[in-house]
Amino acid sequence: MSQDVLRIRLAQTDDARAIGVLSRRVVQRWVLPDQSRKIGRELLARLSAKILRQKIMDGQRFHLAYLGDVLVGVAATRDDSHLVHFYVSTRYQGQGIARRLWQRTLHDAIRRAGTRRFTLNATRCAVPVYVRLGFHADGPERPSPNGVITTPMSLRLPMQRSKRA
């Protein structure tokens, strides 16, 4: 990793353009090769600044990872339990950024909503990453509700024991 310190913060609506740029670049490189052209175009359209801005305004929580002034990762959850976006810039993959970004996202959802079960729909190239983060496949690869070929995955955390005095 570079000498810059990794900073993670919540997104604001004016971050939507930068989120879209990073997300589209990662999707084009890693996700689109396994999708049909039609589904790929639709997926890229859903990563426009306008749509992402609306998702932020609607309450989806986007965590952004920065090295210096460079946006290097994005994680977004819906309902504090379903991971809908999780991207690390290709150049910065393999440096532990995904794990740290996921840990921040997970802890935020636990703190806010007491979440103990997380779900996601993983594209083929991302399944090994999610397995390393503790997720397991809940079924075979299939089209997600948006038509993207994915594997449904989940992570169930153990129930917290109550602290006794």
C-alpha atoms as a PDB file:
ATOM      1  CA  MET A   1       0.000   0.000   0.000  1.00  0.00           C
ATOM      2  CA  SER A   2       1.203   3.527  -0.583  1.00  0.00           C
ATOM      3  CA  GLN A   3       2.382   5.687   2.296  1.00  0.00           C
ATOM      4  CA  ASP A   4      -0.976   7.447   2.359  1.00  0.00           C
ATOM      5  CA  VAL A   5      -3.283   6.464   5.203  1.00  0.00           C
ATOM      6  CA  LEU A   6      -6.538   4.774   4.200  1.00  0.00           C
ATOM      7  CA  ARG A   7      -9.476   6.958   5.218  1.00  0.00           C
ATOM      8  CA  ILE A   8     -13.066   5.742   5.103  1.00  0.00           C
ATOM      9  CA  ARG A   9     -16.025   8.079   5.281  1.00  0.00           C
ATOM     10  CA  LEU A  10     -19.724   8.169   4.425  1.00  0.00           C
ATOM     11  CA  ALA A  11     -20.657   9.528   1.019  1.00  0.00           C
ATOM     12  CA  GLN A  12     -22.545  12.735   0.438  1.00  0.00           C
ATOM     13  CA  THR A  13     -24.695  13.405  -2.629  1.00  0.00           C
ATOM     14  CA  ASP A  14     -21.881  15.364  -4.323  1.00  0.00           C
ATOM     15  CA  ASP A  15     -19.739  12.192  -4.243  1.00  0.00           C
ATOM     16  CA  ALA A  16     -22.070  10.464  -6.719  1.00  0.00           C
ATOM     17  CA  ARG A  17     -20.016  11.349  -9.806  1.00  0.00           C
ATOM     18  CA  ALA A  18     -16.750   9.991  -8.354  1.00  0.00           C
ATOM     19  CA  ILE A  19     -18.544   6.868  -7.104  1.00  0.00           C
ATOM     20  CA  GLY A  20     -19.931   6.310 -10.593  1.00  0.00           C
ATOM     21  CA  VAL A  21     -16.564   6.744 -12.293  1.00  0.00           C
ATOM     22  CA  LEU A  22     -14.809   4.240 -10.010  1.00  0.00           C
ATOM     23  CA  SER A  23     -17.726   1.774 -10.115  1.00  0.00           C
ATOM     24  CA  ARG A  24     -18.058   1.843 -13.914  1.00  0.00           C
ATOM     25  CA  ARG A  25     -14.321   1.315 -14.388  1.00  0.00           C
ATOM     26  CA  VAL A  26     -14.278  -1.722 -12.098  1.00  0.00           C
ATOM     27  CA  VAL A  27     -17.474  -3.141 -13.605  1.00  0.00           C
ATOM     28  CA  GLN A  28     -16.172  -2.747 -17.154  1.00  0.00           C
ATOM     29  CA  ARG A  29     -12.927  -4.537 -16.291  1.00  0.00           C
ATOM     30  CA  TRP A  30     -14.183  -7.315 -14.026  1.00  0.00           C
ATOM     31  CA  VAL A  31     -17.952  -7.799 -14.326  1.00  0.00           C
ATOM     32  CA  LEU A  32     -19.012  -7.154 -17.923  1.00  0.00           C
ATOM     33  CA  PRO A  33     -16.993  -9.999 -19.495  1.00  0.00           C
ATOM     34  CA  ASP A  34     -19.399 -12.492 -17.828  1.00  0.00           C
ATOM     35  CA  GLN A  35     -22.620 -10.637 -18.759  1.00  0.00           C
ATOM     36  CA  SER A  36     -24.640 -10.177 -21.926  1.00  0.00           C
ATOM     37  CA  ARG A  37     -24.231  -6.848 -23.740  1.00  0.00           C
ATOM     38  CA  LYS A  38     -27.804  -5.830 -22.870  1.00  0.00           C
ATOM     39  CA  ILE A  39     -27.382  -6.564 -19.159  1.00  0.00           C
ATOM     40  CA  GLY A  40     -23.969  -4.851 -19.195  1.00  0.00           C
ATOM     41  CA  ARG A  41     -25.430  -1.653 -20.671  1.00  0.00           C
ATOM     42  CA  GLU A  42     -28.243  -1.680 -18.093  1.00  0.00           C
ATOM     43  CA  LEU A  43     -25.774  -2.253 -15.255  1.00  0.00           C
ATOM     44  CA  LEU A  44     -23.575   0.652 -16.379  1.00  0.00           C
ATOM     45  CA  ALA A  45     -26.642   2.902 -16.673  1.00  0.00           C
ATOM     46  CA  ARG A  46     -27.531   2.117 -13.038  1.00  0.00           C
ATOM     47  CA  LEU A  47     -24.103   3.473 -12.065  1.00  0.00           C
ATOM     48  CA  SER A  48     -24.771   6.985 -13.368  1.00  0.00           C
ATOM     49  CA  ALA A  49     -24.205   9.923 -11.038  1.00  0.00           C
ATOM     50  CA  LYS A  50     -27.913  10.784 -11.160  1.00  0.00           C
ATOM     51  CA  ILE A  51     -29.026   7.313 -10.046  1.00  0.00           C
ATOM     52  CA  LEU A  52     -26.297   6.992  -7.410  1.00  0.00           C
ATOM     53  CA  ARG A  53     -27.144  10.439  -6.033  1.00  0.00           C
ATOM     54  CA  GLN A  54     -30.778   9.365  -5.699  1.00  0.00           C
ATOM     55  CA  LYS A  55     -29.744   6.148  -3.900  1.00  0.00           C
ATOM     56  CA  ILE A  56     -27.755   8.212  -1.394  1.00  0.00           C
ATOM     57  CA  MET A  57     -30.732  10.531  -0.873  1.00  0.00           C
ATOM     58  CA  ASP A  58     -32.994   7.484  -0.442  1.00  0.00           C
ATOM     59  CA  GLY A  59     -30.863   6.267   2.448  1.00  0.00           C
ATOM     60  CA  GLN A  60     -28.467   3.744   0.975  1.00  0.00           C
ATOM     61  CA  ARG A  61     -25.227   4.037   2.936  1.00  0.00           C
ATOM     62  CA  PHE A  62     -22.147   4.424   0.791  1.00  0.00           C
ATOM     63  CA  HIS A  63     -18.779   4.096   2.512  1.00  0.00           C
ATOM     64  CA  LEU A  64     -15.885   5.558   0.540  1.00  0.00           C
ATOM     65  CA  ALA A  65     -12.232   4.564   0.944  1.00  0.00           C
ATOM     66  CA  TYR A  66      -9.558   7.119   0.091  1.00  0.00           C
ATOM     67  CA  LEU A  67      -5.783   6.999  -0.128  1.00  0.00           C
ATOM     68  CA  GLY A  68      -4.797  10.629  -0.006  1.00  0.00           C
ATOM     69  CA  ASP A  69      -7.246  12.386  -2.334  1.00  0.00           C
ATOM     70  CA  VAL A  70      -7.860   9.281  -4.467  1.00  0.00           C
ATOM     71  CA  LEU A  71     -11.123   7.377  -4.161  1.00  0.00           C
ATOM     72  CA  VAL A  72     -10.025   3.721  -4.149  1.00  0.00           C
ATOM     73  CA  GLY A  73     -13.089   1.851  -2.874  1.00  0.00           C
ATOM     74  CA  VAL A  74     -16.865   1.961  -2.495  1.00  0.00           C
ATOM     75  CA  ALA A  75     -19.211  -0.146  -0.387  1.00  0.00           C
ATOM     76  CA  ALA A  76     -22.958   0.474  -0.271  1.00  0.00           C
ATOM     77  CA  THR A  77     -25.696  -1.226   1.693  1.00  0.00           C
ATOM     78  CA  ARG A  78     -29.452  -1.202   1.489  1.00  0.00           C
ATOM     79  CA  ASP A  79     -31.439  -1.632   4.707  1.00  0.00           C
ATOM     80  CA  ASP A  80     -28.180  -2.061   6.671  1.00  0.00           C
ATOM     81  CA  SER A  81     -28.071  -5.696   5.539  1.00  0.00           C
ATOM     82  CA  HIS A  82     -27.754  -6.125   1.756  1.00  0.00           C
ATOM     83  CA  LEU A  83     -24.475  -5.176   0.104  1.00  0.00           C
ATOM     84  CA  VAL A  84     -25.444  -3.645  -3.239  1.00  0.00           C
ATOM     85  CA  HIS A  85     -22.113  -2.151  -4.354  1.00  0.00           C
ATOM     86  CA  PHE A  86     -18.605  -3.214  -3.402  1.00  0.00           C
ATOM     87  CA  TYR A  87     -15.726  -2.067  -5.596  1.00  0.00           C
ATOM     88  CA  VAL A  88     -12.015  -1.486  -5.144  1.00  0.00           C
ATOM     89  CA  SER A  89     -10.119   0.202  -7.947  1.00  0.00           C
ATOM     90  CA  THR A  90      -8.170  -2.380  -9.947  1.00  0.00           C
ATOM     91  CA  ARG A  91      -4.887  -0.612  -9.263  1.00  0.00           C
ATOM     92  CA  TYR A  92      -5.403  -0.912  -5.493  1.00  0.00           C
ATOM     93  CA  GLN A  93      -6.706  -4.483  -5.263  1.00  0.00           C
ATOM     94  CA  GLY A  94      -4.775  -6.969  -3.157  1.00  0.00           C
ATOM     95  CA  GLN A  95      -3.741  -4.390  -0.556  1.00  0.00           C
ATOM     96  CA  GLY A  96      -6.312  -5.111   2.156  1.00  0.00           C
ATOM     97  CA  ILE A  97      -8.582  -2.215   1.202  1.00  0.00           C
ATOM     98  CA  ALA A  98     -11.615  -4.439   0.562  1.00  0.00           C
ATOM     99  CA  ARG A  99     -11.312  -6.079   3.971  1.00  0.00           C
ATOM    100  CA  ARG A 100     -11.007  -2.742   5.786  1.00  0.00           C
ATOM    101  CA  LEU A 101     -13.866  -1.222   3.796  1.00  0.00           C
ATOM    102  CA  TRP A 102     -16.069  -4.250   4.519  1.00  0.00           C
ATOM    103  CA  GLN A 103     -15.212  -4.157   8.236  1.00  0.00           C
ATOM    104  CA  ARG A 104     -16.258  -0.495   8.418  1.00  0.00           C
ATOM    105  CA  THR A 105     -19.488  -1.204   6.529  1.00  0.00           C
ATOM    106  CA  LEU A 106     -20.271  -4.242   8.694  1.00  0.00           C
ATOM    107  CA  HIS A 107     -19.617  -2.428  11.983  1.00  0.00           C
ATOM    108  CA  ASP A 108     -21.723   0.530  10.848  1.00  0.00           C
ATOM    109  CA  ALA A 109     -24.694  -1.768  10.101  1.00  0.00           C
ATOM    110  CA  ILE A 110     -24.294  -3.602  13.411  1.00  0.00           C
ATOM    111  CA  ARG A 111     -24.150  -0.308  15.305  1.00  0.00           C
ATOM    112  CA  ARG A 112     -27.105   1.223  13.473  1.00  0.00           C
ATOM    113  CA  ALA A 113     -29.435  -1.752  13.151  1.00  0.00           C
ATOM    114  CA  GLY A 114     -27.990  -4.662  15.095  1.00  0.00           C
ATOM    115  CA  THR A 115     -27.598  -6.557  11.822  1.00  0.00           C
ATOM    116  CA  ARG A 116     -26.453 -10.170  12.244  1.00  0.00           C
ATOM    117  CA  ARG A 117     -27.096 -11.437   8.690  1.00  0.00           C
ATOM    118  CA  PHE A 118     -25.743  -9.821   5.528  1.00  0.00           C
ATOM    119  CA  THR A 119     -26.644 -10.738   1.961  1.00  0.00           C
ATOM    120  CA  LEU A 120     -25.343  -9.927  -1.503  1.00  0.00           C
ATOM    121  CA  ASN A 121     -25.401 -11.125  -5.101  1.00  0.00           C
ATOM    122  CA  ALA A 122     -21.801 -11.777  -6.158  1.00  0.00           C
ATOM    123  CA  THR A 123     -20.598 -11.655  -9.731  1.00  0.00           C
ATOM    124  CA  ARG A 124     -18.397 -14.563 -10.795  1.00  0.00           C
ATOM    125  CA  CYS A 125     -15.107 -12.722 -10.323  1.00  0.00           C
ATOM    126  CA  ALA A 126     -16.095 -11.506  -6.840  1.00  0.00           C
ATOM    127  CA  VAL A 127     -17.130 -14.818  -5.261  1.00  0.00           C
ATOM    128  CA  PRO A 128     -13.582 -15.630  -4.017  1.00  0.00           C
ATOM    129  CA  VAL A 129     -13.301 -12.164  -2.442  1.00  0.00           C
ATOM    130  CA  TYR A 130     -16.552 -12.600  -0.543  1.00  0.00           C
ATOM    131  CA  VAL A 131     -15.567 -16.093   0.594  1.00  0.00           C
ATOM    132  CA  ARG A 132     -12.388 -14.603   2.090  1.00  0.00           C
ATOM    133  CA  LEU A 133     -14.588 -12.058   3.890  1.00  0.00           C
ATOM    134  CA  GLY A 134     -16.621 -14.877   5.460  1.00  0.00           C
ATOM    135  CA  PHE A 135     -19.607 -15.140   3.101  1.00  0.00           C
ATOM    136  CA  HIS A 136     -20.887 -18.446   1.738  1.00  0.00           C
ATOM    137  CA  ALA A 137     -22.952 -19.257  -1.337  1.00  0.00           C
ATOM    138  CA  ASP A 138     -26.669 -19.743  -0.708  1.00  0.00           C
ATOM    139  CA  GLY A 139     -27.346 -21.309  -4.089  1.00  0.00           C
ATOM    140  CA  PRO A 140     -26.070 -21.715  -7.616  1.00  0.00           C
ATOM    141  CA  GLU A 141     -25.126 -18.916  -9.980  1.00  0.00           C
ATOM    142  CA  ARG A 142     -28.261 -17.401 -11.560  1.00  0.00           C
ATOM    143  CA  PRO A 143     -29.658 -14.093 -12.829  1.00  0.00           C
ATOM    144  CA  SER A 144     -30.191 -11.528 -10.048  1.00  0.00           C
ATOM    145  CA  PRO A 145     -33.444  -9.519  -9.997  1.00  0.00           C
ATOM    146  CA  ASN A 146     -31.719  -7.076 -12.410  1.00  0.00           C
ATOM    147  CA  GLY A 147     -30.619  -9.857 -14.755  1.00  0.00           C
ATOM    148  CA  VAL A 148     -26.928  -9.804 -13.817  1.00  0.00           C
ATOM    149  CA  ILE A 149     -25.482 -13.325 -13.521  1.00  0.00           C
ATOM    150  CA  THR A 150     -24.624 -13.682  -9.818  1.00  0.00           C
ATOM    151  CA  THR A 151     -24.308 -16.088  -6.922  1.00  0.00           C
ATOM    152  CA  PRO A 152     -26.503 -15.290  -3.897  1.00  0.00           C
ATOM    153  CA  MET A 153     -24.329 -15.201  -0.779  1.00  0.00           C
ATOM    154  CA  SER A 154     -24.777 -14.470   2.894  1.00  0.00           C
ATOM    155  CA  LEU A 155     -22.837 -13.981   6.097  1.00  0.00           C
ATOM    156  CA  ARG A 156     -24.413 -14.819   9.429  1.00  0.00           C
ATOM    157  CA  LEU A 157     -22.710 -13.417  12.517  1.00  0.00           C
ATOM    158  CA  PRO A 158     -22.999 -15.209  15.861  1.00  0.00           C
ATOM    159  CA  MET A 159     -25.459 -13.705  18.290  1.00  0.00           C
ATOM    160  CA  GLN A 160     -23.781 -11.405  20.753  1.00  0.00           C
ATOM    161  CA  ARG A 161     -23.785 -12.588  24.302  1.00  0.00           C
ATOM    162  CA  SER A 162     -25.225 -10.119  26.729  1.00  0.00           C
ATOM    163  CA  LYS A 163     -22.729  -8.649  29.122  1.00  0.00           C
ATOM    164  CA  ARG A 164     -23.455  -9.468  32.718  1.00  0.00           C
ATOM    165  CA  ALA A 165     -22.257  -7.482  35.668  1.00  0.00           C
END
